[in-house]
Each structure stands twice: as structure tokens, then as C-alpha cells.
Amino acid sequence: MTKKDLVAQVADNASITKKQAGVAVDAILDGIKDALGNGQKVSLVGFGTFSVKHREQRTGVNPANGQKMTYPAKDVPHFKAGKGLKDAVY
């Protein structure tokens, strides 16, 4: 499913125009991005939790030439599925 498909489904389910649904979907995604950018956690009960995890510095090997490389520490987005989502999928 693409974002376009999601907007169409939201528009159909909410009986609103695709333009209005697009604004709503964009607002939700921007809210999640802003919260994660500020280091906050976003919990949607029954769906899941979006959070930021810290990944420590690590050493790896470049497969092209076999040289060891150091990958810097960084923060990465993380999603943990909730019970409702797990039940719907499994």
C-alpha cells in the first residue's frame, strides 16, 4: 500500500475528500516525525509505539575490499507493534 492508497482509503472510510484525507495523513505523519525529532515517544494504543533508539558505535568490514570500518553512534527510529496490530497480522 502506498501513501496514495492510504489517503484514498482514509477518504472512503471517513466520507471526506481525498484532499482533506491527504492533509490529515500528512498532519499525522508530521506529528510523529516532530515528536521523534524531539526525542519523545508516540504511543498509539492497539497499534504500536514509535520511539528513538541509540545505536552505539561499531566496527564493520567493507565487503568490497575487506578493510575494517568504524560506524559512528547514531539515533535511529524504532517501531514496536502493539497487541491489536499483532493480532490482525498473525
PDB file of N, CA and C in Angstrom:
ATOM      1  N   MET A   1       0.849  -1.177   0.000  1.00  0.00           N
ATOM      2  CA  MET A   1       0.000   0.000   0.000  1.00  0.00           C
ATOM      3  C   MET A   1       0.890   1.234   0.000  1.00  0.00           C
ATOM      4  N   THR A   2       0.602   2.162  -0.873  1.00  0.00           N
ATOM      5  CA  THR A   2       1.359   3.407  -0.940  1.00  0.00           C
ATOM      6  C   THR A   2       0.614   4.493  -0.165  1.00  0.00           C
ATOM      7  N   LYS A   3       1.261   5.639  -0.027  1.00  0.00           N
ATOM      8  CA  LYS A   3       0.626   6.746   0.669  1.00  0.00           C
ATOM      9  C   LYS A   3      -0.647   7.163  -0.074  1.00  0.00           C
ATOM     10  N   LYS A   4      -0.617   7.129  -1.400  1.00  0.00           N
ATOM     11  CA  LYS A   4      -1.781   7.480  -2.208  1.00  0.00           C
ATOM     12  C   LYS A   4      -2.945   6.530  -1.909  1.00  0.00           C
ATOM     13  N   ASP A   5      -2.638   5.239  -1.785  1.00  0.00           N
ATOM     14  CA  ASP A   5      -3.674   4.256  -1.454  1.00  0.00           C
ATOM     15  C   ASP A   5      -4.231   4.499  -0.054  1.00  0.00           C
ATOM     16  N   LEU A   6      -3.350   4.839   0.874  1.00  0.00           N
ATOM     17  CA  LEU A   6      -3.779   5.111   2.249  1.00  0.00           C
ATOM     18  C   LEU A   6      -4.701   6.325   2.291  1.00  0.00           C
ATOM     19  N   VAL A   7      -4.341   7.380   1.572  1.00  0.00           N
ATOM     20  CA  VAL A   7      -5.175   8.586   1.523  1.00  0.00           C
ATOM     21  C   VAL A   7      -6.547   8.243   0.946  1.00  0.00           C
ATOM     22  N   ALA A   8      -6.579   7.440  -0.104  1.00  0.00           N
ATOM     23  CA  ALA A   8      -7.859   7.048  -0.709  1.00  0.00           C
ATOM     24  C   ALA A   8      -8.706   6.249   0.275  1.00  0.00           C
ATOM     25  N   GLN A   9      -8.079   5.353   1.021  1.00  0.00           N
ATOM     26  CA  GLN A   9      -8.827   4.548   1.988  1.00  0.00           C
ATOM     27  C   GLN A   9      -9.355   5.413   3.126  1.00  0.00           C
ATOM     28  N   VAL A  10      -8.547   6.356   3.615  1.00  0.00           N
ATOM     29  CA  VAL A  10      -8.997   7.260   4.677  1.00  0.00           C
ATOM     30  C   VAL A  10     -10.173   8.094   4.176  1.00  0.00           C
ATOM     31  N   ALA A  11     -10.073   8.582   2.944  1.00  0.00           N
ATOM     32  CA  ALA A  11     -11.156   9.389   2.377  1.00  0.00           C
ATOM     33  C   ALA A  11     -12.452   8.582   2.297  1.00  0.00           C
ATOM     34  N   ASP A  12     -12.347   7.334   1.859  1.00  0.00           N
ATOM     35  CA  ASP A  12     -13.547   6.488   1.762  1.00  0.00           C
ATOM     36  C   ASP A  12     -14.130   6.170   3.131  1.00  0.00           C
ATOM     37  N   ASN A  13     -13.270   5.809   4.083  1.00  0.00           N
ATOM     38  CA  ASN A  13     -13.748   5.425   5.423  1.00  0.00           C
ATOM     39  C   ASN A  13     -14.336   6.599   6.196  1.00  0.00           C
ATOM     40  N   ALA A  14     -13.788   7.803   5.993  1.00  0.00           N
ATOM     41  CA  ALA A  14     -14.244   8.968   6.746  1.00  0.00           C
ATOM     42  C   ALA A  14     -15.260   9.807   5.975  1.00  0.00           C
ATOM     43  N   SER A  15     -15.578   9.396   4.749  1.00  0.00           N
ATOM     44  CA  SER A  15     -16.518  10.142   3.898  1.00  0.00           C
ATOM     45  C   SER A  15     -16.089  11.600   3.725  1.00  0.00           C
ATOM     46  N   ILE A  16     -14.808  11.791   3.416  1.00  0.00           N
ATOM     47  CA  ILE A  16     -14.261  13.121   3.152  1.00  0.00           C
ATOM     48  C   ILE A  16     -13.551  13.072   1.799  1.00  0.00           C
ATOM     49  N   THR A  17     -13.146  14.246   1.316  1.00  0.00           N
ATOM     50  CA  THR A  17     -12.457  14.283   0.033  1.00  0.00           C
ATOM     51  C   THR A  17     -11.032  13.758   0.177  1.00  0.00           C
ATOM     52  N   LYS A  18     -10.445  13.375  -0.950  1.00  0.00           N
ATOM     53  CA  LYS A  18      -9.062  12.897  -0.913  1.00  0.00           C
ATOM     54  C   LYS A  18      -8.113  14.006  -0.488  1.00  0.00           C
ATOM     55  N   LYS A  19      -8.434  15.243  -0.850  1.00  0.00           N
ATOM     56  CA  LYS A  19      -7.592  16.378  -0.448  1.00  0.00           C
ATOM     57  C   LYS A  19      -7.593  16.527   1.079  1.00  0.00           C
ATOM     58  N   GLN A  20      -8.768  16.442   1.682  1.00  0.00           N
ATOM     59  CA  GLN A  20      -8.874  16.537   3.142  1.00  0.00           C
ATOM     60  C   GLN A  20      -8.171  15.364   3.811  1.00  0.00           C
ATOM     61  N   ALA A  21      -8.325  14.176   3.238  1.00  0.00           N
ATOM     62  CA  ALA A  21      -7.674  12.989   3.798  1.00  0.00           C
ATOM     63  C   ALA A  21      -6.162  13.116   3.678  1.00  0.00           C
ATOM     64  N   GLY A  22      -5.673  13.670   2.571  1.00  0.00           N
ATOM     65  CA  GLY A  22      -4.239  13.875   2.392  1.00  0.00           C
ATOM     66  C   GLY A  22      -3.680  14.823   3.438  1.00  0.00           C
ATOM     67  N   VAL A  23      -4.418  15.884   3.740  1.00  0.00           N
ATOM     68  CA  VAL A  23      -3.990  16.829   4.776  1.00  0.00           C
ATOM     69  C   VAL A  23      -3.952  16.130   6.133  1.00  0.00           C
ATOM     70  N   ALA A  24      -4.942  15.314   6.420  1.00  0.00           N
ATOM     71  CA  ALA A  24      -4.995  14.599   7.698  1.00  0.00           C
ATOM     72  C   ALA A  24      -3.839  13.612   7.832  1.00  0.00           C
ATOM     73  N   VAL A  25      -3.585  12.826   6.781  1.00  0.00           N
ATOM     74  CA  VAL A  25      -2.491  11.848   6.825  1.00  0.00           C
ATOM     75  C   VAL A  25      -1.151  12.564   6.981  1.00  0.00           C
ATOM     76  N   ASP A  26      -0.952  13.656   6.234  1.00  0.00           N
ATOM     77  CA  ASP A  26       0.295  14.421   6.351  1.00  0.00           C
ATOM     78  C   ASP A  26       0.468  14.993   7.752  1.00  0.00           C
ATOM     79  N   ALA A  27      -0.623  15.467   8.356  1.00  0.00           N
ATOM     80  CA  ALA A  27      -0.560  16.027   9.708  1.00  0.00           C
ATOM     81  C   ALA A  27      -0.154  14.966  10.722  1.00  0.00           C
ATOM     82  N   ILE A  28      -0.687  13.765  10.579  1.00  0.00           N
ATOM     83  CA  ILE A  28      -0.347  12.677  11.497  1.00  0.00           C
ATOM     84  C   ILE A  28       1.129  12.308  11.359  1.00  0.00           C
ATOM     85  N   LEU A  29       1.574  12.137  10.112  1.00  0.00           N
ATOM     86  CA  LEU A  29       2.971  11.754   9.886  1.00  0.00           C
ATOM     87  C   LEU A  29       3.931  12.842  10.355  1.00  0.00           C
ATOM     88  N   ASP A  30       3.579  14.118  10.116  1.00  0.00           N
ATOM     89  CA  ASP A  30       4.427  15.220  10.582  1.00  0.00           C
ATOM     90  C   ASP A  30       4.479  15.271  12.107  1.00  0.00           C
ATOM     91  N   GLY A  31       3.348  14.989  12.751  1.00  0.00           N
ATOM     92  CA  GLY A  31       3.322  14.967  14.218  1.00  0.00           C
ATOM     93  C   GLY A  31       4.224  13.880  14.777  1.00  0.00           C
ATOM     94  N   ILE A  32       4.202  12.715  14.160  1.00  0.00           N
ATOM     95  CA  ILE A  32       5.069  11.617  14.609  1.00  0.00           C
ATOM     96  C   ILE A  32       6.534  11.977  14.390  1.00  0.00           C
ATOM     97  N   LYS A  33       6.859  12.536  13.196  1.00  0.00           N
ATOM     98  CA  LYS A  33       8.247  12.927  12.909  1.00  0.00           C
ATOM     99  C   LYS A  33       8.741  13.988  13.885  1.00  0.00           C
ATOM    100  N   ASP A  34       7.903  14.992  14.165  1.00  0.00           N
ATOM    101  CA  ASP A  34       8.299  16.058  15.088  1.00  0.00           C
ATOM    102  C   ASP A  34       8.553  15.517  16.491  1.00  0.00           C
ATOM    103  N   ALA A  35       7.674  14.635  16.957  1.00  0.00           N
ATOM    104  CA  ALA A  35       7.833  14.060  18.295  1.00  0.00           C
ATOM    105  C   ALA A  35       9.121  13.239  18.378  1.00  0.00           C
ATOM    106  N   LEU A  36       9.379  12.409  17.377  1.00  0.00           N
ATOM    107  CA  LEU A  36      10.605  11.610  17.383  1.00  0.00           C
ATOM    108  C   LEU A  36      11.839  12.493  17.280  1.00  0.00           C
ATOM    109  N   GLY A  37      11.744  13.570  16.513  1.00  0.00           N
ATOM    110  CA  GLY A  37      12.857  14.506  16.391  1.00  0.00           C
ATOM    111  C   GLY A  37      13.195  15.185  17.697  1.00  0.00           C
ATOM    112  N   ASN A  38      12.189  15.312  18.577  1.00  0.00           N
ATOM    113  CA  ASN A  38      12.399  15.911  19.902  1.00  0.00           C
ATOM    114  C   ASN A  38      12.713  14.859  20.955  1.00  0.00           C
ATOM    115  N   GLY A  39      12.899  13.612  20.533  1.00  0.00           N
ATOM    116  CA  GLY A  39      13.242  12.549  21.465  1.00  0.00           C
ATOM    117  C   GLY A  39      12.064  11.983  22.231  1.00  0.00           C
ATOM    118  N   GLN A  40      10.849  12.310  21.818  1.00  0.00           N
ATOM    119  CA  GLN A  40       9.662  11.817  22.504  1.00  0.00           C
ATOM    120  C   GLN A  40       9.223  10.482  21.922  1.00  0.00           C
ATOM    121  N   LYS A  41       8.341   9.823  22.644  1.00  0.00           N
ATOM    122  CA  LYS A  41       7.776   8.544  22.234  1.00  0.00           C
ATOM    123  C   LYS A  41       6.334   8.791  21.818  1.00  0.00           C
ATOM    124  N   VAL A  42       5.870   8.097  20.769  1.00  0.00           N
ATOM    125  CA  VAL A  42       4.488   8.215  20.317  1.00  0.00           C
ATOM    126  C   VAL A  42       3.825   6.850  20.473  1.00  0.00           C
ATOM    127  N   SER A  43       2.812   6.766  21.349  1.00  0.00           N
ATOM    128  CA  SER A  43       2.113   5.505  21.604  1.00  0.00           C
ATOM    129  C   SER A  43       0.705   5.589  21.050  1.00  0.00           C
ATOM    130  N   LEU A  44       0.368   4.668  20.165  1.00  0.00           N
ATOM    131  CA  LEU A  44      -0.982   4.557  19.627  1.00  0.00           C
ATOM    132  C   LEU A  44      -1.543   3.232  20.133  1.00  0.00           C
ATOM    133  N   VAL A  45      -2.409   3.307  21.128  1.00  0.00           N
ATOM    134  CA  VAL A  45      -2.916   2.118  21.793  1.00  0.00           C
ATOM    135  C   VAL A  45      -3.581   1.193  20.775  1.00  0.00           C
ATOM    136  N   GLY A  46      -3.201  -0.070  20.818  1.00  0.00           N
ATOM    137  CA  GLY A  46      -3.738  -1.061  19.906  1.00  0.00           C
ATOM    138  C   GLY A  46      -2.997  -1.134  18.577  1.00  0.00           C
ATOM    139  N   PHE A  47      -2.156  -0.131  18.290  1.00  0.00           N
ATOM    140  CA  PHE A  47      -1.402  -0.130  17.037  1.00  0.00           C
ATOM    141  C   PHE A  47       0.078  -0.359  17.298  1.00  0.00           C
ATOM    142  N   GLY A  48       0.689   0.520  18.110  1.00  0.00           N
ATOM    143  CA  GLY A  48       2.102   0.344  18.413  1.00  0.00           C
ATOM    144  C   GLY A  48       2.734   1.607  18.957  1.00  0.00           C
ATOM    145  N   THR A  49       4.045   1.546  19.146  1.00  0.00           N
ATOM    146  CA  THR A  49       4.795   2.649  19.719  1.00  0.00           C
ATOM    147  C   THR A  49       5.984   2.991  18.838  1.00  0.00           C
ATOM    148  N   PHE A  50       6.086   4.270  18.499  1.00  0.00           N
ATOM    149  CA  PHE A  50       7.227   4.789  17.777  1.00  0.00           C
ATOM    150  C   PHE A  50       8.171   5.404  18.804  1.00  0.00           C
ATOM    151  N   SER A  51       9.465   5.112  18.712  1.00  0.00           N
ATOM    152  CA  SER A  51      10.437   5.684  19.638  1.00  0.00           C
ATOM    153  C   SER A  51      11.772   5.865  18.929  1.00  0.00           C
ATOM    154  N   VAL A  52      12.724   6.446  19.645  1.00  0.00           N
ATOM    155  CA  VAL A  52      14.072   6.648  19.124  1.00  0.00           C
ATOM    156  C   VAL A  52      15.016   5.784  19.945  1.00  0.00           C
ATOM    157  N   LYS A  53      15.818   4.992  19.268  1.00  0.00           N
ATOM    158  CA  LYS A  53      16.814   4.148  19.936  1.00  0.00           C
ATOM    159  C   LYS A  53      18.203   4.677  19.606  1.00  0.00           C
ATOM    160  N   HIS A  54      19.114   4.541  20.553  1.00  0.00           N
ATOM    161  CA  HIS A  54      20.504   4.944  20.318  1.00  0.00           C
ATOM    162  C   HIS A  54      21.297   3.722  19.896  1.00  0.00           C
ATOM    163  N   ARG A  55      21.964   3.830  18.779  1.00  0.00           N
ATOM    164  CA  ARG A  55      22.811   2.746  18.282  1.00  0.00           C
ATOM    165  C   ARG A  55      24.265   3.131  18.558  1.00  0.00           C
ATOM    166  N   GLU A  56      24.971   2.303  19.304  1.00  0.00           N
ATOM    167  CA  GLU A  56      26.353   2.579  19.672  1.00  0.00           C
ATOM    168  C   GLU A  56      27.292   2.485  18.471  1.00  0.00           C
ATOM    169  N   GLN A  57      28.460   3.080  18.617  1.00  0.00           N
ATOM    170  CA  GLN A  57      29.498   2.975  17.590  1.00  0.00           C
ATOM    171  C   GLN A  57      29.893   1.511  17.425  1.00  0.00           C
ATOM    172  N   ARG A  58      30.161   1.111  16.185  1.00  0.00           N
ATOM    173  CA  ARG A  58      30.527  -0.281  15.958  1.00  0.00           C
ATOM    174  C   ARG A  58      31.568  -0.371  14.854  1.00  0.00           C
ATOM    175  N   THR A  59      32.221  -1.503  14.798  1.00  0.00           N
ATOM    176  CA  THR A  59      33.227  -1.762  13.777  1.00  0.00           C
ATOM    177  C   THR A  59      32.671  -2.789  12.806  1.00  0.00           C
ATOM    178  N   GLY A  60      32.868  -2.541  11.513  1.00  0.00           N
ATOM    179  CA  GLY A  60      32.390  -3.459  10.489  1.00  0.00           C
ATOM    180  C   GLY A  60      33.465  -3.658   9.437  1.00  0.00           C
ATOM    181  N   VAL A  61      33.172  -4.472   8.450  1.00  0.00           N
ATOM    182  CA  VAL A  61      34.114  -4.766   7.379  1.00  0.00           C
ATOM    183  C   VAL A  61      33.488  -4.370   6.050  1.00  0.00           C
ATOM    184  N   ASN A  62      34.222  -3.617   5.239  1.00  0.00           N
ATOM    185  CA  ASN A  62      33.778  -3.245   3.909  1.00  0.00           C
ATOM    186  C   ASN A  62      33.872  -4.488   3.027  1.00  0.00           C
ATOM    187  N   PRO A  63      32.755  -4.996   2.510  1.00  0.00           N
ATOM    188  CA  PRO A  63      32.802  -6.238   1.732  1.00  0.00           C
ATOM    189  C   PRO A  63      33.545  -6.088   0.399  1.00  0.00           C
ATOM    190  N   ALA A  64      33.671  -4.877  -0.097  1.00  0.00           N
ATOM    191  CA  ALA A  64      34.345  -4.674  -1.378  1.00  0.00           C
ATOM    192  C   ALA A  64      35.845  -4.886  -1.286  1.00  0.00           C
ATOM    193  N   ASN A  65      36.434  -4.427  -0.177  1.00  0.00           N
ATOM    194  CA  ASN A  65      37.897  -4.530  -0.083  1.00  0.00           C
ATOM    195  C   ASN A  65      38.398  -5.189   1.202  1.00  0.00           C
ATOM    196  N   GLY A  66      37.512  -5.579   2.104  1.00  0.00           N
ATOM    197  CA  GLY A  66      37.914  -6.268   3.321  1.00  0.00           C
ATOM    198  C   GLY A  66      38.477  -5.373   4.413  1.00  0.00           C
ATOM    199  N   GLN A  67      38.482  -4.060   4.206  1.00  0.00           N
ATOM    200  CA  GLN A  67      39.023  -3.147   5.220  1.00  0.00           C
ATOM    201  C   GLN A  67      38.026  -2.963   6.356  1.00  0.00           C
ATOM    202  N   LYS A  68      38.568  -2.817   7.581  1.00  0.00           N
ATOM    203  CA  LYS A  68      37.715  -2.549   8.739  1.00  0.00           C
ATOM    204  C   LYS A  68      37.306  -1.085   8.705  1.00  0.00           C
ATOM    205  N   MET A  69      36.039  -0.860   9.076  1.00  0.00           N
ATOM    206  CA  MET A  69      35.496   0.494   9.122  1.00  0.00           C
ATOM    207  C   MET A  69      34.850   0.713  10.480  1.00  0.00           C
ATOM    208  N   THR A  70      34.805   1.968  10.909  1.00  0.00           N
ATOM    209  CA  THR A  70      34.115   2.313  12.141  1.00  0.00           C
ATOM    210  C   THR A  70      32.857   3.080  11.778  1.00  0.00           C
ATOM    211  N   TYR A  71      31.720   2.566  12.216  1.00  0.00           N
ATOM    212  CA  TYR A  71      30.450   3.243  12.008  1.00  0.00           C
ATOM    213  C   TYR A  71      30.145   4.059  13.258  1.00  0.00           C
ATOM    214  N   PRO A  72      29.840   5.353  13.110  1.00  0.00           N
ATOM    215  CA  PRO A  72      29.616   6.204  14.280  1.00  0.00           C
ATOM    216  C   PRO A  72      28.309   5.877  15.005  1.00  0.00           C
ATOM    217  N   ALA A  73      28.218   6.292  16.249  1.00  0.00           N
ATOM    218  CA  ALA A  73      26.986   6.142  17.025  1.00  0.00           C
ATOM    219  C   ALA A  73      25.929   7.057  16.419  1.00  0.00           C
ATOM    220  N   LYS A  74      24.677   6.634  16.495  1.00  0.00           N
ATOM    221  CA  LYS A  74      23.596   7.465  15.966  1.00  0.00           C
ATOM    222  C   LYS A  74      22.266   7.059  16.576  1.00  0.00           C
ATOM    223  N   ASP A  75      21.300   7.951  16.467  1.00  0.00           N
ATOM    224  CA  ASP A  75      19.939   7.678  16.904  1.00  0.00           C
ATOM    225  C   ASP A  75      19.132   7.218  15.691  1.00  0.00           C
ATOM    226  N   VAL A  76      18.319   6.188  15.870  1.00  0.00           N
ATOM    227  CA  VAL A  76      17.522   5.638  14.775  1.00  0.00           C
ATOM    228  C   VAL A  76      16.073   5.485  15.223  1.00  0.00           C
ATOM    229  N   PRO A  77      15.110   5.636  14.291  1.00  0.00           N
ATOM    230  CA  PRO A  77      13.709   5.424  14.651  1.00  0.00           C
ATOM    231  C   PRO A  77      13.438   3.938  14.882  1.00  0.00           C
ATOM    232  N   HIS A  78      12.491   3.671  15.778  1.00  0.00           N
ATOM    233  CA  HIS A  78      12.154   2.291  16.130  1.00  0.00           C
ATOM    234  C   HIS A  78      10.640   2.188  16.271  1.00  0.00           C
ATOM    235  N   PHE A  79      10.079   1.056  15.848  1.00  0.00           N
ATOM    236  CA  PHE A  79       8.644   0.820  15.989  1.00  0.00           C
ATOM    237  C   PHE A  79       8.421  -0.530  16.637  1.00  0.00           C
ATOM    238  N   LYS A  80       7.566  -0.555  17.645  1.00  0.00           N
ATOM    239  CA  LYS A  80       7.198  -1.806  18.294  1.00  0.00           C
ATOM    240  C   LYS A  80       5.690  -1.975  18.125  1.00  0.00           C
ATOM    241  N   ALA A  81       5.287  -3.047  17.458  1.00  0.00           N
ATOM    242  CA  ALA A  81       3.873  -3.297  17.190  1.00  0.00           C
ATOM    243  C   ALA A  81       3.120  -3.599  18.474  1.00  0.00           C
ATOM    244  N   GLY A  82       1.895  -3.087  18.555  1.00  0.00           N
ATOM    245  CA  GLY A  82       1.034  -3.339  19.695  1.00  0.00           C
ATOM    246  C   GLY A  82       0.243  -4.626  19.516  1.00  0.00           C
ATOM    247  N   LYS A  83      -0.471  -5.006  20.553  1.00  0.00           N
ATOM    248  CA  LYS A  83      -1.214  -6.266  20.534  1.00  0.00           C
ATOM    249  C   LYS A  83      -2.278  -6.294  19.433  1.00  0.00           C
ATOM    250  N   GLY A  84      -2.993  -5.211  19.250  1.00  0.00           N
ATOM    251  CA  GLY A  84      -4.042  -5.172  18.233  1.00  0.00           C
ATOM    252  C   GLY A  84      -3.488  -5.381  16.832  1.00  0.00           C
ATOM    253  N   LEU A  85      -2.353  -4.769  16.539  1.00  0.00           N
ATOM    254  CA  LEU A  85      -1.716  -4.927  15.235  1.00  0.00           C
ATOM    255  C   LEU A  85      -1.175  -6.343  15.054  1.00  0.00           C
ATOM    256  N   LYS A  86      -0.561  -6.875  16.100  1.00  0.00           N
ATOM    257  CA  LYS A  86      -0.049  -8.231  16.035  1.00  0.00           C
ATOM    258  C   LYS A  86      -1.174  -9.231  15.796  1.00  0.00           C
ATOM    259  N   ASP A  87      -2.292  -9.058  16.488  1.00  0.00           N
ATOM    260  CA  ASP A  87      -3.425  -9.971  16.335  1.00  0.00           C
ATOM    261  C   ASP A  87      -4.003  -9.893  14.922  1.00  0.00           C
ATOM    262  N   ALA A  88      -3.993  -8.695  14.323  1.00  0.00           N
ATOM    263  CA  ALA A  88      -4.542  -8.523  12.990  1.00  0.00           C
ATOM    264  C   ALA A  88      -3.658  -9.178  11.929  1.00  0.00           C
ATOM    265  N   VAL A  89      -2.357  -9.244  12.198  1.00  0.00           N
ATOM    266  CA  VAL A  89      -1.411  -9.778  11.221  1.00  0.00           C
ATOM    267  C   VAL A  89      -1.214 -11.282  11.385  1.00  0.00           C
ATOM    268  N   TYR A  90      -1.151 -11.762  12.616  1.00  0.00           N
ATOM    269  CA  TYR A  90      -0.828 -13.180  12.834  1.00  0.00           C
ATOM    270  C   TYR A  90      -2.047 -14.046  12.782  1.00  0.00           C
TER     271      TYR A  90
END
